[in-house]
PDB file of N, CA and C in Angstrom:
ATOM      1  N   MET A   1     127.122 106.622  79.652  1.00  0.00           N
ATOM      2  CA  MET A   1     125.808 107.016  79.148  1.00  0.00           C
ATOM      3  C   MET A   1     124.821 105.851  79.255  1.00  0.00           C
ATOM      4  N   ARG A   2     125.280 104.670  78.873  1.00  0.00           N
ATOM      5  CA  ARG A   2     124.414 103.502  78.911  1.00  0.00           C
ATOM      6  C   ARG A   2     123.999 103.183  80.353  1.00  0.00           C
ATOM      7  N   GLN A   3     124.947 103.309  81.281  1.00  0.00           N
ATOM      8  CA  GLN A   3     124.662 103.065  82.697  1.00  0.00           C
ATOM      9  C   GLN A   3     123.626 104.049  83.224  1.00  0.00           C
ATOM     10  N   MET A   4     123.733 105.310  82.810  1.00  0.00           N
ATOM     11  CA  MET A   4     122.794 106.327  83.247  1.00  0.00           C
ATOM     12  C   MET A   4     121.381 106.004  82.752  1.00  0.00           C
ATOM     13  N   LEU A   5     121.259 105.544  81.519  1.00  0.00           N
ATOM     14  CA  LEU A   5     119.951 105.169  80.977  1.00  0.00           C
ATOM     15  C   LEU A   5     119.388 103.964  81.725  1.00  0.00           C
ATOM     16  N   GLN A   6     120.257 103.029  82.046  1.00  0.00           N
ATOM     17  CA  GLN A   6     119.818 101.841  82.781  1.00  0.00           C
ATOM     18  C   GLN A   6     119.360 102.233  84.191  1.00  0.00           C
ATOM     19  N   ASP A   7     120.090 103.144  84.832  1.00  0.00           N
ATOM     20  CA  ASP A   7     119.699 103.615  86.156  1.00  0.00           C
ATOM     21  C   ASP A   7     118.345 104.316  86.115  1.00  0.00           C
ATOM     22  N   GLN A   8     118.115 105.130  85.076  1.00  0.00           N
ATOM     23  CA  GLN A   8     116.827 105.811  84.934  1.00  0.00           C
ATOM     24  C   GLN A   8     115.699 104.808  84.726  1.00  0.00           C
ATOM     25  N   THR A   9     115.965 103.780  83.937  1.00  0.00           N
ATOM     26  CA  THR A   9     114.970 102.739  83.693  1.00  0.00           C
ATOM     27  C   THR A   9     114.659 101.994  84.988  1.00  0.00           C
ATOM     28  N   ASN A  10     115.689 101.665  85.750  1.00  0.00           N
ATOM     29  CA  ASN A  10     115.479 100.968  87.020  1.00  0.00           C
ATOM     30  C   ASN A  10     114.696 101.828  87.998  1.00  0.00           C
ATOM     31  N   MET A  11     114.991 103.116  88.051  1.00  0.00           N
ATOM     32  CA  MET A  11     114.263 104.012  88.944  1.00  0.00           C
ATOM     33  C   MET A  11     112.802 104.122  88.517  1.00  0.00           C
ATOM     34  N   GLN A  12     112.553 104.164  87.211  1.00  0.00           N
ATOM     35  CA  GLN A  12     111.177 104.231  86.715  1.00  0.00           C
ATOM     36  C   GLN A  12     110.412 102.964  87.101  1.00  0.00           C
ATOM     37  N   LYS A  13     111.056 101.815  87.003  1.00  0.00           N
ATOM     38  CA  LYS A  13     110.414 100.556  87.409  1.00  0.00           C
ATOM     39  C   LYS A  13     110.110 100.574  88.902  1.00  0.00           C
ATOM     40  N   LEU A  14     111.052 101.080  89.677  1.00  0.00           N
ATOM     41  CA  LEU A  14     110.864 101.173  91.117  1.00  0.00           C
ATOM     42  C   LEU A  14     109.692 102.093  91.446  1.00  0.00           C
ATOM     43  N   GLU A  15     109.621 103.237  90.778  1.00  0.00           N
ATOM     44  CA  GLU A  15     108.514 104.178  90.998  1.00  0.00           C
ATOM     45  C   GLU A  15     107.176 103.547  90.627  1.00  0.00           C
ATOM     46  N   ASN A  16     107.132 102.862  89.495  1.00  0.00           N
ATOM     47  CA  ASN A  16     105.884 102.225  89.064  1.00  0.00           C
ATOM     48  C   ASN A  16     105.439 101.154  90.050  1.00  0.00           C
ATOM     49  N   GLY A  17     106.394 100.360  90.513  1.00  0.00           N
ATOM     50  CA  GLY A  17     106.077  99.327  91.497  1.00  0.00           C
ATOM     51  C   GLY A  17     105.577  99.932  92.802  1.00  0.00           C
ATOM     52  N   PHE A  18     106.178 101.047  93.186  1.00  0.00           N
ATOM     53  CA  PHE A  18     105.753 101.693  94.420  1.00  0.00           C
ATOM     54  C   PHE A  18     104.353 102.276  94.274  1.00  0.00           C
ATOM     55  N   LEU A  19     104.052 102.859  93.127  1.00  0.00           N
ATOM     56  CA  LEU A  19     102.704 103.381  92.890  1.00  0.00           C
ATOM     57  C   LEU A  19     101.667 102.264  92.936  1.00  0.00           C
ATOM     58  N   GLU A  20     102.013 101.114  92.395  1.00  0.00           N
ATOM     59  CA  GLU A  20     101.110  99.957  92.461  1.00  0.00           C
ATOM     60  C   GLU A  20     100.900  99.529  93.909  1.00  0.00           C
ATOM     61  N   ALA A  21     101.983  99.527  94.682  1.00  0.00           N
ATOM     62  CA  ALA A  21     101.883  99.159  96.098  1.00  0.00           C
ATOM     63  C   ALA A  21     101.019 100.163  96.850  1.00  0.00           C
ATOM     64  N   TYR A  22     101.154 101.448  96.520  1.00  0.00           N
ATOM     65  CA  TYR A  22     100.329 102.473  97.164  1.00  0.00           C
ATOM     66  C   TYR A  22      98.850 102.199  96.889  1.00  0.00           C
ATOM     67  N   GLU A  23      98.536 101.952  95.649  1.00  0.00           N
ATOM     68  CA  GLU A  23      97.144 101.677  95.288  1.00  0.00           C
ATOM     69  C   GLU A  23      96.622 100.422  95.994  1.00  0.00           C
ATOM     70  N   LYS A  24      97.483  99.461  96.161  1.00  0.00           N
ATOM     71  CA  LYS A  24      97.088  98.191  96.776  1.00  0.00           C
ATOM     72  C   LYS A  24      96.920  98.306  98.294  1.00  0.00           C
ATOM     73  N   TYR A  25      97.797  99.056  98.968  1.00  0.00           N
ATOM     74  CA  TYR A  25      97.833  99.050 100.431  1.00  0.00           C
ATOM     75  C   TYR A  25      97.352 100.328 101.116  1.00  0.00           C
ATOM     76  N   ALA A  26      97.158 101.407 100.407  1.00  0.00           N
ATOM     77  CA  ALA A  26      96.848 102.689 101.045  1.00  0.00           C
ATOM     78  C   ALA A  26      95.578 102.623 101.896  1.00  0.00           C
ATOM     79  N   ASP A  27      94.529 102.027 101.384  1.00  0.00           N
ATOM     80  CA  ASP A  27      93.280 101.958 102.148  1.00  0.00           C
ATOM     81  C   ASP A  27      93.450 101.141 103.426  1.00  0.00           C
ATOM     82  N   ALA A  28      94.140 100.026 103.324  1.00  0.00           N
ATOM     83  CA  ALA A  28      94.349  99.168 104.498  1.00  0.00           C
ATOM     84  C   ALA A  28      95.209  99.870 105.542  1.00  0.00           C
ATOM     85  N   ILE A  29      96.243 100.561 105.111  1.00  0.00           N
ATOM     86  CA  ILE A  29      97.101 101.286 106.053  1.00  0.00           C
ATOM     87  C   ILE A  29      96.316 102.429 106.692  1.00  0.00           C
ATOM     88  N   PHE A  30      95.501 103.107 105.908  1.00  0.00           N
ATOM     89  CA  PHE A  30      94.669 104.175 106.470  1.00  0.00           C
ATOM     90  C   PHE A  30      93.730 103.619 107.549  1.00  0.00           C
ATOM     91  N   ARG A  31      93.058 102.518 107.248  1.00  0.00           N
ATOM     92  CA  ARG A  31      92.137 101.919 108.224  1.00  0.00           C
ATOM     93  C   ARG A  31      92.879 101.514 109.495  1.00  0.00           C
ATOM     94  N   TYR A  32      94.059 100.925 109.331  1.00  0.00           N
ATOM     95  CA  TYR A  32      94.868 100.536 110.486  1.00  0.00           C
ATOM     96  C   TYR A  32      95.184 101.771 111.337  1.00  0.00           C
ATOM     97  N   CYS A  33      95.615 102.825 110.698  1.00  0.00           N
ATOM     98  CA  CYS A  33      95.944 104.064 111.416  1.00  0.00           C
ATOM     99  C   CYS A  33      94.709 104.656 112.085  1.00  0.00           C
ATOM    100  N   TYR A  34      93.602 104.656 111.371  1.00  0.00           N
ATOM    101  CA  TYR A  34      92.372 105.242 111.903  1.00  0.00           C
ATOM    102  C   TYR A  34      91.910 104.506 113.163  1.00  0.00           C
ATOM    103  N   PHE A  35      91.967 103.193 113.143  1.00  0.00           N
ATOM    104  CA  PHE A  35      91.526 102.434 114.304  1.00  0.00           C
ATOM    105  C   PHE A  35      92.514 102.511 115.463  1.00  0.00           C
ATOM    106  N   ARG A  36      93.682 103.052 115.206  1.00  0.00           N
ATOM    107  CA  ARG A  36      94.654 103.254 116.292  1.00  0.00           C
ATOM    108  C   ARG A  36      94.586 104.668 116.849  1.00  0.00           C
ATOM    109  N   VAL A  37      94.266 105.668 116.020  1.00  0.00           N
ATOM    110  CA  VAL A  37      94.277 107.063 116.489  1.00  0.00           C
ATOM    111  C   VAL A  37      92.878 107.675 116.587  1.00  0.00           C
ATOM    112  N   PHE A  38      91.878 107.077 115.947  1.00  0.00           N
ATOM    113  CA  PHE A  38      90.474 107.518 116.012  1.00  0.00           C
ATOM    114  C   PHE A  38      90.243 108.947 115.527  1.00  0.00           C
ATOM    115  N   GLU A  39      91.079 109.411 114.631  1.00  0.00           N
ATOM    116  CA  GLU A  39      90.893 110.741 114.057  1.00  0.00           C
ATOM    117  C   GLU A  39      91.302 110.681 112.588  1.00  0.00           C
ATOM    118  N   ARG A  40      90.372 111.035 111.706  1.00  0.00           N
ATOM    119  CA  ARG A  40      90.586 110.890 110.265  1.00  0.00           C
ATOM    120  C   ARG A  40      91.812 111.638 109.750  1.00  0.00           C
ATOM    121  N   GLU A  41      91.913 112.903 110.085  1.00  0.00           N
ATOM    122  CA  GLU A  41      93.038 113.711 109.577  1.00  0.00           C
ATOM    123  C   GLU A  41      94.373 113.179 110.065  1.00  0.00           C
ATOM    124  N   GLN A  42      94.438 112.819 111.319  1.00  0.00           N
ATOM    125  CA  GLN A  42      95.687 112.287 111.857  1.00  0.00           C
ATOM    126  C   GLN A  42      96.015 110.944 111.212  1.00  0.00           C
ATOM    127  N   ALA A  43      95.012 110.120 110.998  1.00  0.00           N
ATOM    128  CA  ALA A  43      95.233 108.827 110.342  1.00  0.00           C
ATOM    129  C   ALA A  43      95.731 109.025 108.910  1.00  0.00           C
ATOM    130  N   ARG A  44      95.157 109.986 108.210  1.00  0.00           N
ATOM    131  CA  ARG A  44      95.588 110.280 106.840  1.00  0.00           C
ATOM    132  C   ARG A  44      97.040 110.771 106.833  1.00  0.00           C
ATOM    133  N   ASP A  45      97.377 111.637 107.787  1.00  0.00           N
ATOM    134  CA  ASP A  45      98.750 112.139 107.878  1.00  0.00           C
ATOM    135  C   ASP A  45      99.743 111.010 108.151  1.00  0.00           C
ATOM    136  N   VAL A  46      99.390 110.131 109.071  1.00  0.00           N
ATOM    137  CA  VAL A  46     100.277 109.005 109.400  1.00  0.00           C
ATOM    138  C   VAL A  46     100.418 108.088 108.192  1.00  0.00           C
ATOM    139  N   MET A  47      99.326 107.841 107.495  1.00  0.00           N
ATOM    140  CA  MET A  47      99.373 106.984 106.312  1.00  0.00           C
ATOM    141  C   MET A  47     100.283 107.582 105.251  1.00  0.00           C
ATOM    142  N   GLN A  48     100.139 108.870 104.988  1.00  0.00           N
ATOM    143  CA  GLN A  48     100.972 109.517 103.979  1.00  0.00           C
ATOM    144  C   GLN A  48     102.444 109.515 104.386  1.00  0.00           C
ATOM    145  N   GLU A  49     102.703 109.793 105.631  1.00  0.00           N
ATOM    146  CA  GLU A  49     104.084 109.792 106.130  1.00  0.00           C
ATOM    147  C   GLU A  49     104.675 108.385 106.070  1.00  0.00           C
ATOM    148  N   THR A  50     103.850 107.381 106.315  1.00  0.00           N
ATOM    149  CA  THR A  50     104.297 105.990 106.213  1.00  0.00           C
ATOM    150  C   THR A  50     104.799 105.691 104.810  1.00  0.00           C
ATOM    151  N   PHE A  51     104.032 106.095 103.808  1.00  0.00           N
ATOM    152  CA  PHE A  51     104.446 105.845 102.436  1.00  0.00           C
ATOM    153  C   PHE A  51     105.655 106.686 102.049  1.00  0.00           C
ATOM    154  N   MET A  52     105.737 107.895 102.553  1.00  0.00           N
ATOM    155  CA  MET A  52     106.908 108.731 102.252  1.00  0.00           C
ATOM    156  C   MET A  52     108.178 108.120 102.841  1.00  0.00           C
ATOM    157  N   LYS A  53     108.115 107.676 104.091  1.00  0.00           N
ATOM    158  CA  LYS A  53     109.278 107.067 104.726  1.00  0.00           C
ATOM    159  C   LYS A  53     109.663 105.760 104.027  1.00  0.00           C
ATOM    160  N   THR A  54     108.673 105.009 103.618  1.00  0.00           N
ATOM    161  CA  THR A  54     108.940 103.754 102.916  1.00  0.00           C
ATOM    162  C   THR A  54     109.592 104.035 101.568  1.00  0.00           C
ATOM    163  N   TRP A  55     109.112 105.046 100.851  1.00  0.00           N
ATOM    164  CA  TRP A  55     109.722 105.400  99.568  1.00  0.00           C
ATOM    165  C   TRP A  55     111.177 105.834  99.765  1.00  0.00           C
ATOM    166  N   GLU A  56     111.433 106.657 100.768  1.00  0.00           N
ATOM    167  CA  GLU A  56     112.802 107.097 101.039  1.00  0.00           C
ATOM    168  C   GLU A  56     113.707 105.900 101.305  1.00  0.00           C
ATOM    169  N   TYR A  57     113.206 104.949 102.055  1.00  0.00           N
ATOM    170  CA  TYR A  57     113.978 103.757 102.395  1.00  0.00           C
ATOM    171  C   TYR A  57     114.285 102.928 101.142  1.00  0.00           C
ATOM    172  N   ILE A  58     113.255 102.667 100.352  1.00  0.00           N
ATOM    173  CA  ILE A  58     113.427 101.822  99.167  1.00  0.00           C
ATOM    174  C   ILE A  58     114.248 102.522  98.087  1.00  0.00           C
ATOM    175  N   SER A  59     113.990 103.793  97.867  1.00  0.00           N
ATOM    176  CA  SER A  59     114.699 104.511  96.800  1.00  0.00           C
ATOM    177  C   SER A  59     116.169 104.742  97.143  1.00  0.00           C
ATOM    178  N   SER A  60     116.538 104.559  98.403  1.00  0.00           N
ATOM    179  CA  SER A  60     117.948 104.683  98.778  1.00  0.00           C
ATOM    180  C   SER A  60     118.732 103.416  98.452  1.00  0.00           C
ATOM    181  N   GLY A  61     118.035 102.408  97.945  1.00  0.00           N
ATOM    182  CA  GLY A  61     118.701 101.183  97.517  1.00  0.00           C
ATOM    183  C   GLY A  61     118.544 100.020  98.475  1.00  0.00           C
ATOM    184  N   LYS A  62     117.855 100.249  99.570  1.00  0.00           N
ATOM    185  CA  LYS A  62     117.643  99.172 100.539  1.00  0.00           C
ATOM    186  C   LYS A  62     116.468  98.320 100.083  1.00  0.00           C
ATOM    187  N   SER A  63     116.526  97.055 100.408  1.00  0.00           N
ATOM    188  CA  SER A  63     115.456  96.162  99.961  1.00  0.00           C
ATOM    189  C   SER A  63     114.516  95.829 101.113  1.00  0.00           C
ATOM    190  N   VAL A  64     113.305  95.492 100.744  1.00  0.00           N
ATOM    191  CA  VAL A  64     112.266  95.108 101.693  1.00  0.00           C
ATOM    192  C   VAL A  64     111.718  93.770 101.219  1.00  0.00           C
ATOM    193  N   ASP A  65     111.783  92.775 102.085  1.00  0.00           N
ATOM    194  CA  ASP A  65     111.308  91.447 101.704  1.00  0.00           C
ATOM    195  C   ASP A  65     109.784  91.357 101.667  1.00  0.00           C
ATOM    196  N   ASN A  66     109.127  91.969 102.642  1.00  0.00           N
ATOM    197  CA  ASN A  66     107.677  91.913 102.738  1.00  0.00           C
ATOM    198  C   ASN A  66     107.162  93.340 102.878  1.00  0.00           C
ATOM    199  N   LEU A  67     106.758  93.938 101.777  1.00  0.00           N
ATOM    200  CA  LEU A  67     106.362  95.345 101.770  1.00  0.00           C
ATOM    201  C   LEU A  67     105.158  95.596 102.661  1.00  0.00           C
ATOM    202  N   ARG A  68     104.198  94.732 102.636  1.00  0.00           N
ATOM    203  CA  ARG A  68     102.997  94.910 103.462  1.00  0.00           C
ATOM    204  C   ARG A  68     103.375  94.975 104.938  1.00  0.00           C
ATOM    205  N   ALA A  69     104.159  94.030 105.404  1.00  0.00           N
ATOM    206  CA  ALA A  69     104.587  94.011 106.801  1.00  0.00           C
ATOM    207  C   ALA A  69     105.424  95.246 107.131  1.00  0.00           C
ATOM    208  N   PHE A  70     106.265  95.658 106.204  1.00  0.00           N
ATOM    209  CA  PHE A  70     107.106  96.841 106.404  1.00  0.00           C
ATOM    210  C   PHE A  70     106.238  98.085 106.575  1.00  0.00           C
ATOM    211  N   LEU A  71     105.228  98.230 105.747  1.00  0.00           N
ATOM    212  CA  LEU A  71     104.324  99.384 105.842  1.00  0.00           C
ATOM    213  C   LEU A  71     103.609  99.423 107.191  1.00  0.00           C
ATOM    214  N   TYR A  72     103.117  98.280 107.633  1.00  0.00           N
ATOM    215  CA  TYR A  72     102.439  98.240 108.924  1.00  0.00           C
ATOM    216  C   TYR A  72     103.401  98.564 110.060  1.00  0.00           C
ATOM    217  N   LYS A  73     104.621  98.097 109.964  1.00  0.00           N
ATOM    218  CA  LYS A  73     105.617  98.376 110.998  1.00  0.00           C
ATOM    219  C   LYS A  73     105.937  99.872 111.047  1.00  0.00           C
ATOM    220  N   VAL A  74     106.128 100.484 109.884  1.00  0.00           N
ATOM    221  CA  VAL A  74     106.403 101.920 109.833  1.00  0.00           C
ATOM    222  C   VAL A  74     105.216 102.694 110.403  1.00  0.00           C
ATOM    223  N   ALA A  75     104.005 102.334 110.001  1.00  0.00           N
ATOM    224  CA  ALA A  75     102.812 103.020 110.501  1.00  0.00           C
ATOM    225  C   ALA A  75     102.708 102.869 112.013  1.00  0.00           C
ATOM    226  N   ASN A  76     102.930 101.675 112.509  1.00  0.00           N
ATOM    227  CA  ASN A  76     102.853 101.433 113.941  1.00  0.00           C
ATOM    228  C   ASN A  76     103.889 102.269 114.689  1.00  0.00           C
ATOM    229  N   ASN A  77     105.099 102.316 114.187  1.00  0.00           N
ATOM    230  CA  ASN A  77     106.140 103.105 114.829  1.00  0.00           C
ATOM    231  C   ASN A  77     105.802 104.598 114.822  1.00  0.00           C
ATOM    232  N   MET A  78     105.185 105.063 113.761  1.00  0.00           N
ATOM    233  CA  MET A  78     104.817 106.477 113.692  1.00  0.00           C
ATOM    234  C   MET A  78     103.693 106.783 114.690  1.00  0.00           C
ATOM    235  N   ILE A  79     102.774 105.869 114.869  1.00  0.00           N
ATOM    236  CA  ILE A  79     101.683 106.074 115.827  1.00  0.00           C
ATOM    237  C   ILE A  79     102.231 106.086 117.245  1.00  0.00           C
ATOM    238  N   ILE A  80     103.177 105.209 117.530  1.00  0.00           N
ATOM    239  CA  ILE A  80     103.779 105.158 118.863  1.00  0.00           C
ATOM    240  C   ILE A  80     104.531 106.431 119.170  1.00  0.00           C
ATOM    241  N   ASP A  81     105.257 106.932 118.169  1.00  0.00           N
ATOM    242  CA  ASP A  81     106.029 108.176 118.359  1.00  0.00           C
ATOM    243  C   ASP A  81     105.085 109.323 118.451  1.00  0.00           C
TER     244      ASP A  81
END
């Protein structure tokens, strides 16, 4: 029971940190995408997918040393694909 509560607390901290990162980097990632694809809707879609893929990666227990660089790499890979 105690472990389950600790896991929930850790997940909540992870979610809060990710929300802070979204607020901090979303505009910059959107601008990066927009200047690569030149279409607002497509840039918004790529930006959202970038954050979704990053959340899936982090919430699976994998660590990211430099979140900003990781986000740009994911966005770039999505634009290339």
